[in-house]
Amino acid sequence: MGATDVDQGELRVIATDLRFPEGPIAMPDGSVVLVEMFGPRLTRVRPDGSTQTLADIPGGPNGAAVGPDGAIYVCNNGGCYTPVELQGLLLPGPFNPATYIGGRVQRVDTHSGAVTDLYTECDGHVLRSPNDLVMDGHGGFWFTDHGIRDPHGARTSDLTGIYYARCDGSAISEVVFPVEAPNGIGLSPDATTLYWAETHSGRVFHRRIVAPGELAPAMPLDTSVVLHGLPGLQLLDSLAVDDDGWVNVATLINGGVTSISPDGATVEFLPTEDPLTTNLCFGGQNLRTAFITLSGTGRLVATRWPRAGLRLAHQ
């Protein structure tokens, strides 16, 4: 089943010269807070395109979300990638053990710029490359650990998991294992379904939530846990769910946003002309504006979305 290309209007460029932007958060004042993975920093982008560094974040900040205390919670891959410039694009290169400080989930005080490590391990297993997170409104958040691929040194690829943790740093648990390079993660509008995207398989998974931090069991060989899988070589990055329950996934190589209906039957595609389209969030009036990070070209763009975005916990 192929995706239908859609023309949702002009992609309006808000900011340029960003160092691999990810994790956008639409703020009430009209600005967008995002991370620059190769900054490495947390940055506020104002509506006029000007930027302000909110905090320097050593390592490699990836996903970001507003927590119940108004702080920004960040998934940090530990600086595992080497930045590579190729054909005018900034790319995450191979694993670099010299710059890797270890994966972690952090809390950032945007007033003081203080960065605090909340989690660096779970049950004795170190976090390898935390990537994205979503708040659940119950004092906790779900997050993915993308893991590390080392094609040159150890010639290994991590199997990692889906985690649930408390915002106050008091508890963390691995809920799903093993998972192959999980990236974006999100919740359905009624918060009863958890979605996550696997980068290299090009699949979006979904599982029913039965309690905070707890998913309904999945039987072996249960194909119903896959919402949709993309054909060919299309890699998936982060995602955002809209108010109609569509799962909108930033898509690499193909360069755009793939939107999947709640039943997985209908797929739409918005091209962005950047093969490293990494993330999106919803903001603006009635949450009808999609802010999209084009990381290869270092841009933040916006476009009107055909459906209202989903209002996130603490947004």
Protein backbone atom coordinates (compact mmCIF):
# COMPACT_ATOMS: atom_id res chain seq x y z
CA MET A 1 0.00 0.00 0.00
CA GLY A 2 1.55 3.30 -1.07
CA ALA A 3 1.18 6.71 0.44
CA THR A 4 -0.77 9.50 -1.21
CA ASP A 5 1.25 12.69 -1.64
CA VAL A 6 -0.57 15.69 -0.23
CA ASP A 7 -0.12 19.41 -0.75
CA GLN A 8 -0.88 21.04 2.58
CA GLY A 9 0.38 24.47 1.66
CA GLU A 10 3.68 26.27 1.63
CA LEU A 11 6.48 25.27 3.96
CA ARG A 12 7.35 28.54 5.66
CA VAL A 13 10.96 28.79 6.83
CA ILE A 14 11.20 30.14 10.37
CA ALA A 15 14.87 29.61 11.21
CA THR A 16 18.05 28.51 9.44
CA ASP A 17 21.63 27.60 10.39
CA LEU A 18 20.54 25.29 13.20
CA ARG A 19 22.93 22.47 14.12
CA PHE A 20 20.72 19.42 13.53
CA PRO A 21 17.47 20.58 15.18
CA GLU A 22 15.18 18.04 16.83
CA GLY A 23 12.55 17.77 19.57
CA PRO A 24 10.45 20.88 18.77
CA ILE A 25 8.03 22.17 21.41
CA ALA A 26 5.48 24.87 20.51
CA MET A 27 5.37 27.36 23.39
CA PRO A 28 2.45 29.62 24.45
CA ASP A 29 4.33 32.78 23.44
CA GLY A 30 4.61 31.64 19.82
CA SER A 31 8.23 30.54 20.05
CA VAL A 32 9.45 27.01 19.47
CA VAL A 33 11.92 25.39 21.85
CA LEU A 34 14.09 22.70 20.30
CA VAL A 35 17.39 20.92 20.76
CA GLU A 36 20.38 21.24 18.47
CA MET A 37 22.00 17.81 18.60
CA PHE A 38 25.32 19.07 17.28
CA GLY A 39 25.06 22.37 19.18
CA PRO A 40 24.79 20.78 21.61
CA ARG A 41 22.18 22.96 23.26
CA LEU A 42 18.55 23.73 24.02
CA THR A 43 17.41 26.66 21.89
CA ARG A 44 14.42 28.96 21.74
CA VAL A 45 13.43 30.01 18.21
CA ARG A 46 11.33 33.16 18.21
CA PRO A 47 8.64 33.81 15.55
CA ASP A 48 10.99 36.22 13.76
CA GLY A 49 13.62 33.46 13.41
CA SER A 50 16.03 34.81 16.02
CA THR A 51 17.40 32.29 18.50
CA GLN A 52 18.31 32.17 22.19
CA THR A 53 20.38 29.49 23.90
CA LEU A 54 18.48 28.29 26.97
CA ALA A 55 21.05 25.74 28.10
CA ASP A 56 24.22 24.08 26.89
CA ILE A 57 23.73 20.30 26.97
CA PRO A 58 26.93 18.25 26.57
CA GLY A 59 26.47 15.03 24.62
CA GLY A 60 23.74 14.80 22.00
CA PRO A 61 20.27 16.07 22.97
CA ASN A 62 17.51 14.43 20.90
CA GLY A 63 13.89 14.51 22.11
CA ALA A 64 12.39 17.13 24.42
CA ALA A 65 9.11 17.69 26.26
CA VAL A 66 7.64 20.05 28.84
CA GLY A 67 7.21 18.39 32.23
CA PRO A 68 4.63 18.97 34.96
CA ASP A 69 6.94 21.48 36.69
CA GLY A 70 7.46 23.57 33.53
CA ALA A 71 11.01 22.32 33.06
CA ILE A 72 12.15 20.76 29.78
CA TYR A 73 12.93 17.05 29.90
CA VAL A 74 15.49 15.87 27.36
CA CYS A 75 16.61 12.52 25.97
CA ASN A 76 20.39 12.70 25.44
CA ASN A 77 22.13 10.15 23.20
CA GLY A 78 25.43 10.89 24.91
CA GLY A 79 27.15 12.33 21.86
CA CYS A 80 27.41 8.96 20.17
CA TYR A 81 27.40 10.37 16.61
CA THR A 82 30.15 12.03 14.63
CA PRO A 83 28.81 14.98 12.62
CA VAL A 84 29.49 14.52 8.91
CA GLU A 85 28.85 17.01 6.11
CA LEU A 86 27.89 15.44 2.79
CA GLN A 87 26.49 17.15 -0.30
CA GLY A 88 25.50 20.19 1.70
CA LEU A 89 23.76 18.19 4.44
CA LEU A 90 24.75 17.72 8.07
CA LEU A 91 24.48 14.02 8.91
CA PRO A 92 24.92 11.86 12.01
CA GLY A 93 28.01 9.81 11.22
CA PRO A 94 29.37 6.61 12.80
CA PHE A 95 29.56 5.94 16.53
CA ASN A 96 32.40 7.89 18.11
CA PRO A 97 33.59 6.38 21.41
CA ALA A 98 35.90 9.37 21.96
CA THR A 99 32.99 11.80 22.34
CA TYR A 100 30.43 9.43 23.88
CA ILE A 101 29.60 10.29 27.50
CA GLY A 102 26.80 7.74 27.95
CA GLY A 103 23.05 7.98 27.37
CA ARG A 104 20.87 9.82 29.85
CA VAL A 105 17.52 11.48 30.47
CA GLN A 106 17.83 15.00 31.85
CA ARG A 107 15.84 17.85 33.34
CA VAL A 108 16.62 21.38 32.13
CA ASP A 109 15.70 24.47 34.14
CA THR A 110 15.08 27.03 31.40
CA HIS A 111 15.46 29.95 33.81
CA SER A 112 18.88 29.07 35.20
CA GLY A 113 20.11 26.79 32.42
CA ALA A 114 20.89 24.08 34.96
CA VAL A 115 20.93 20.55 33.53
CA THR A 116 20.32 17.62 35.89
CA ASP A 117 20.71 13.93 35.10
CA LEU A 118 17.55 12.03 36.05
CA TYR A 119 18.35 8.57 34.68
CA THR A 120 21.46 6.94 33.27
CA GLU A 121 20.49 3.29 33.79
CA CYS A 122 17.59 0.94 34.48
CA ASP A 123 17.94 -2.14 36.69
CA GLY A 124 21.69 -2.12 36.24
CA HIS A 125 21.57 -1.73 32.45
CA VAL A 126 23.01 1.56 31.20
CA LEU A 127 20.93 3.70 28.87
CA ARG A 128 22.68 3.68 25.51
CA SER A 129 21.10 6.39 23.37
CA PRO A 130 17.79 7.78 24.68
CA ASN A 131 15.97 9.39 21.79
CA ASP A 132 12.42 10.65 22.33
CA LEU A 133 9.83 10.97 25.10
CA VAL A 134 6.19 11.77 25.74
CA MET A 135 4.59 12.88 29.01
CA ASP A 136 1.55 10.91 30.17
CA GLY A 137 -0.03 13.46 32.52
CA HIS A 138 0.30 11.11 35.51
CA GLY A 139 3.67 12.31 36.70
CA GLY A 140 5.63 10.13 34.32
CA PHE A 141 6.80 9.76 30.75
CA TRP A 142 7.47 7.09 28.17
CA PHE A 143 10.76 7.16 26.28
CA THR A 144 12.73 5.23 23.70
CA ASP A 145 16.36 4.13 23.74
CA HIS A 146 17.48 4.07 20.13
CA GLY A 147 20.67 2.19 20.90
CA ILE A 148 23.98 2.42 19.08
CA ARG A 149 25.14 0.88 15.82
CA ASP A 150 28.92 0.52 15.57
CA PRO A 151 29.64 -0.67 12.04
CA HIS A 152 33.40 -0.12 12.23
CA GLY A 153 34.66 -0.95 15.71
CA ALA A 154 32.75 -3.65 17.54
CA ARG A 155 30.50 -4.28 14.48
CA THR A 156 27.48 -4.49 16.76
CA SER A 157 23.95 -3.12 16.99
CA ASP A 158 22.12 -2.73 20.30
CA LEU A 159 18.77 -4.23 21.09
CA THR A 160 17.09 -1.77 23.41
CA GLY A 161 13.68 -1.05 24.88
CA ILE A 162 10.70 1.17 25.63
CA TYR A 163 10.86 2.70 29.12
CA TYR A 164 8.57 4.40 31.59
CA ALA A 165 9.95 6.77 34.22
CA ARG A 166 8.78 9.19 36.86
CA CYS A 167 9.47 12.89 36.35
CA ASP A 168 10.82 13.28 39.89
CA GLY A 169 13.63 10.78 39.22
CA SER A 170 12.24 8.20 41.65
CA ALA A 171 11.53 5.21 39.38
CA ILE A 172 12.27 3.80 35.95
CA SER A 173 11.21 0.52 34.34
CA GLU A 174 11.83 -1.23 31.04
CA VAL A 175 8.37 -2.07 29.68
CA VAL A 176 9.14 -3.52 26.23
CA PHE A 177 12.24 -5.49 25.26
CA PRO A 178 13.73 -6.15 22.79
CA VAL A 179 13.07 -3.36 20.31
CA GLU A 180 15.10 -2.57 17.17
CA ALA A 181 16.19 1.09 17.11
CA PRO A 182 13.01 2.69 18.56
CA ASN A 183 12.78 6.39 17.82
CA GLY A 184 9.61 8.51 17.97
CA ILE A 185 6.99 7.84 20.64
CA GLY A 186 3.51 9.21 21.32
CA LEU A 187 0.08 8.66 22.83
CA SER A 188 -3.39 8.39 21.30
CA PRO A 189 -5.87 11.24 22.00
CA ASP A 190 -7.54 9.21 24.77
CA ALA A 191 -4.10 8.21 26.15
CA THR A 192 -4.97 4.49 26.01
CA THR A 193 -2.57 3.56 23.20
CA LEU A 194 1.19 3.96 23.02
CA TYR A 195 2.84 4.36 19.62
CA TRP A 196 6.50 4.11 18.71
CA ALA A 197 8.44 4.05 15.47
CA GLU A 198 11.37 1.77 14.65
CA THR A 199 13.89 3.60 12.50
CA HIS A 200 15.45 0.86 10.40
CA SER A 201 12.44 -1.46 10.01
CA GLY A 202 10.21 1.45 8.91
CA ARG A 203 7.40 0.21 11.18
CA VAL A 204 5.08 1.96 13.61
CA PHE A 205 4.00 -0.16 16.58
CA HIS A 206 1.08 0.32 18.95
CA ARG A 207 0.21 -1.26 22.30
CA ARG A 208 -2.70 -0.73 24.70
CA ILE A 209 -1.96 1.04 27.99
CA VAL A 210 -3.67 -0.56 30.99
CA ALA A 211 -2.14 1.62 33.74
CA PRO A 212 0.59 4.27 34.00
CA GLY A 213 3.76 2.53 32.87
CA GLU A 214 2.00 -0.74 32.05
CA LEU A 215 1.04 -2.20 28.65
CA ALA A 216 -1.30 -5.07 27.84
CA PRO A 217 0.69 -8.25 27.12
CA ALA A 218 1.54 -9.03 23.51
CA MET A 219 1.58 -12.64 22.38
CA PRO A 220 4.53 -14.02 20.38
CA LEU A 221 4.06 -13.61 16.61
CA ASP A 222 1.20 -11.16 17.24
CA THR A 223 1.06 -9.09 14.05
CA SER A 224 -1.59 -6.75 15.48
CA VAL A 225 1.09 -4.81 17.36
CA VAL A 226 2.22 -3.24 14.04
CA LEU A 227 0.06 -0.29 12.98
CA HIS A 228 1.83 0.12 9.66
CA GLY A 229 5.06 -0.70 7.86
CA LEU A 230 6.50 1.41 5.05
CA PRO A 231 7.73 -0.21 1.82
CA GLY A 232 11.22 0.12 0.40
CA LEU A 233 14.02 2.01 2.14
CA GLN A 234 12.27 4.58 4.29
CA LEU A 235 13.63 5.20 7.78
CA LEU A 236 11.45 6.57 10.56
CA ASP A 237 12.38 9.23 13.06
CA SER A 238 10.19 10.99 15.63
CA LEU A 239 6.40 11.31 15.58
CA ALA A 240 3.46 13.41 16.70
CA VAL A 241 -0.14 12.27 17.04
CA ASP A 242 -2.89 14.68 16.00
CA ASP A 243 -6.30 15.19 17.58
CA ASP A 244 -7.97 12.81 15.10
CA GLY A 245 -5.59 10.05 16.13
CA TRP A 246 -3.42 10.06 13.00
CA VAL A 247 0.20 9.14 13.69
CA ASN A 248 2.47 11.58 11.84
CA VAL A 249 6.02 10.31 11.49
CA ALA A 250 9.04 12.25 10.27
CA THR A 251 10.51 10.15 7.48
CA LEU A 252 14.17 9.92 6.49
CA ILE A 253 15.65 9.37 3.02
CA ASN A 254 12.20 9.91 1.47
CA GLY A 255 12.27 13.29 3.18
CA GLY A 256 8.90 14.29 4.59
CA VAL A 257 6.12 13.45 7.03
CA THR A 258 4.19 10.18 6.72
CA SER A 259 0.70 10.36 8.25
CA ILE A 260 -0.99 7.09 9.18
CA SER A 261 -4.71 6.86 10.01
CA PRO A 262 -5.69 5.33 13.39
CA ASP A 263 -6.63 2.02 11.74
CA GLY A 264 -3.43 1.94 9.70
CA ALA A 265 -5.36 1.72 6.43
CA THR A 266 -4.72 5.17 4.96
CA VAL A 267 -1.31 6.78 4.48
CA GLU A 268 -0.52 10.33 3.36
CA PHE A 269 2.87 11.85 2.67
CA LEU A 270 4.02 15.47 2.83
CA PRO A 271 7.38 15.99 1.07
CA THR A 272 9.76 18.50 2.62
CA GLU A 273 12.80 18.33 0.30
CA ASP A 274 15.12 17.42 3.19
CA PRO A 275 16.10 13.73 3.45
CA LEU A 276 16.69 14.19 7.17
CA THR A 277 13.21 15.34 8.21
CA THR A 278 13.38 14.38 11.88
CA ASN A 279 10.51 15.68 13.98
CA LEU A 280 7.34 17.76 14.22
CA CYS A 281 5.04 19.29 16.78
CA PHE A 282 1.75 21.19 16.70
CA GLY A 283 1.09 24.75 17.82
CA GLY A 284 -0.43 28.03 16.73
CA GLN A 285 -4.11 28.88 16.72
CA ASN A 286 -6.20 25.76 17.43
CA LEU A 287 -2.99 23.71 17.07
CA ARG A 288 -3.37 23.79 13.29
CA THR A 289 0.27 24.63 12.57
CA ALA A 290 2.86 21.89 12.22
CA PHE A 291 6.42 22.91 13.07
CA ILE A 292 8.87 20.54 11.36
CA THR A 293 12.61 20.14 11.93
CA LEU A 294 14.63 19.70 8.74
CA SER A 295 17.86 18.58 10.31
CA GLY A 296 20.01 17.95 7.24
CA THR A 297 19.63 21.55 6.12
CA GLY A 298 19.40 22.98 9.65
CA ARG A 299 15.97 24.57 9.28
CA LEU A 300 12.77 24.89 11.27
CA VAL A 301 9.73 25.22 8.99
CA ALA A 302 5.98 25.53 9.52
CA THR A 303 2.90 24.61 7.54
CA ARG A 304 -0.85 24.56 8.11
CA TRP A 305 -2.00 21.04 9.05
CA PRO A 306 -5.23 19.50 7.73
CA ARG A 307 -6.17 18.32 11.22
CA ALA A 308 -5.80 19.92 14.63
CA GLY A 309 -2.83 18.75 16.62
CA LEU A 310 -3.19 16.85 19.86
CA ARG A 311 -2.75 18.97 22.97
CA LEU A 312 -0.02 17.26 24.96
CA ALA A 313 0.12 16.86 28.72
CA HIS A 314 1.52 20.06 30.27
CA GLN A 315 1.30 21.95 26.96
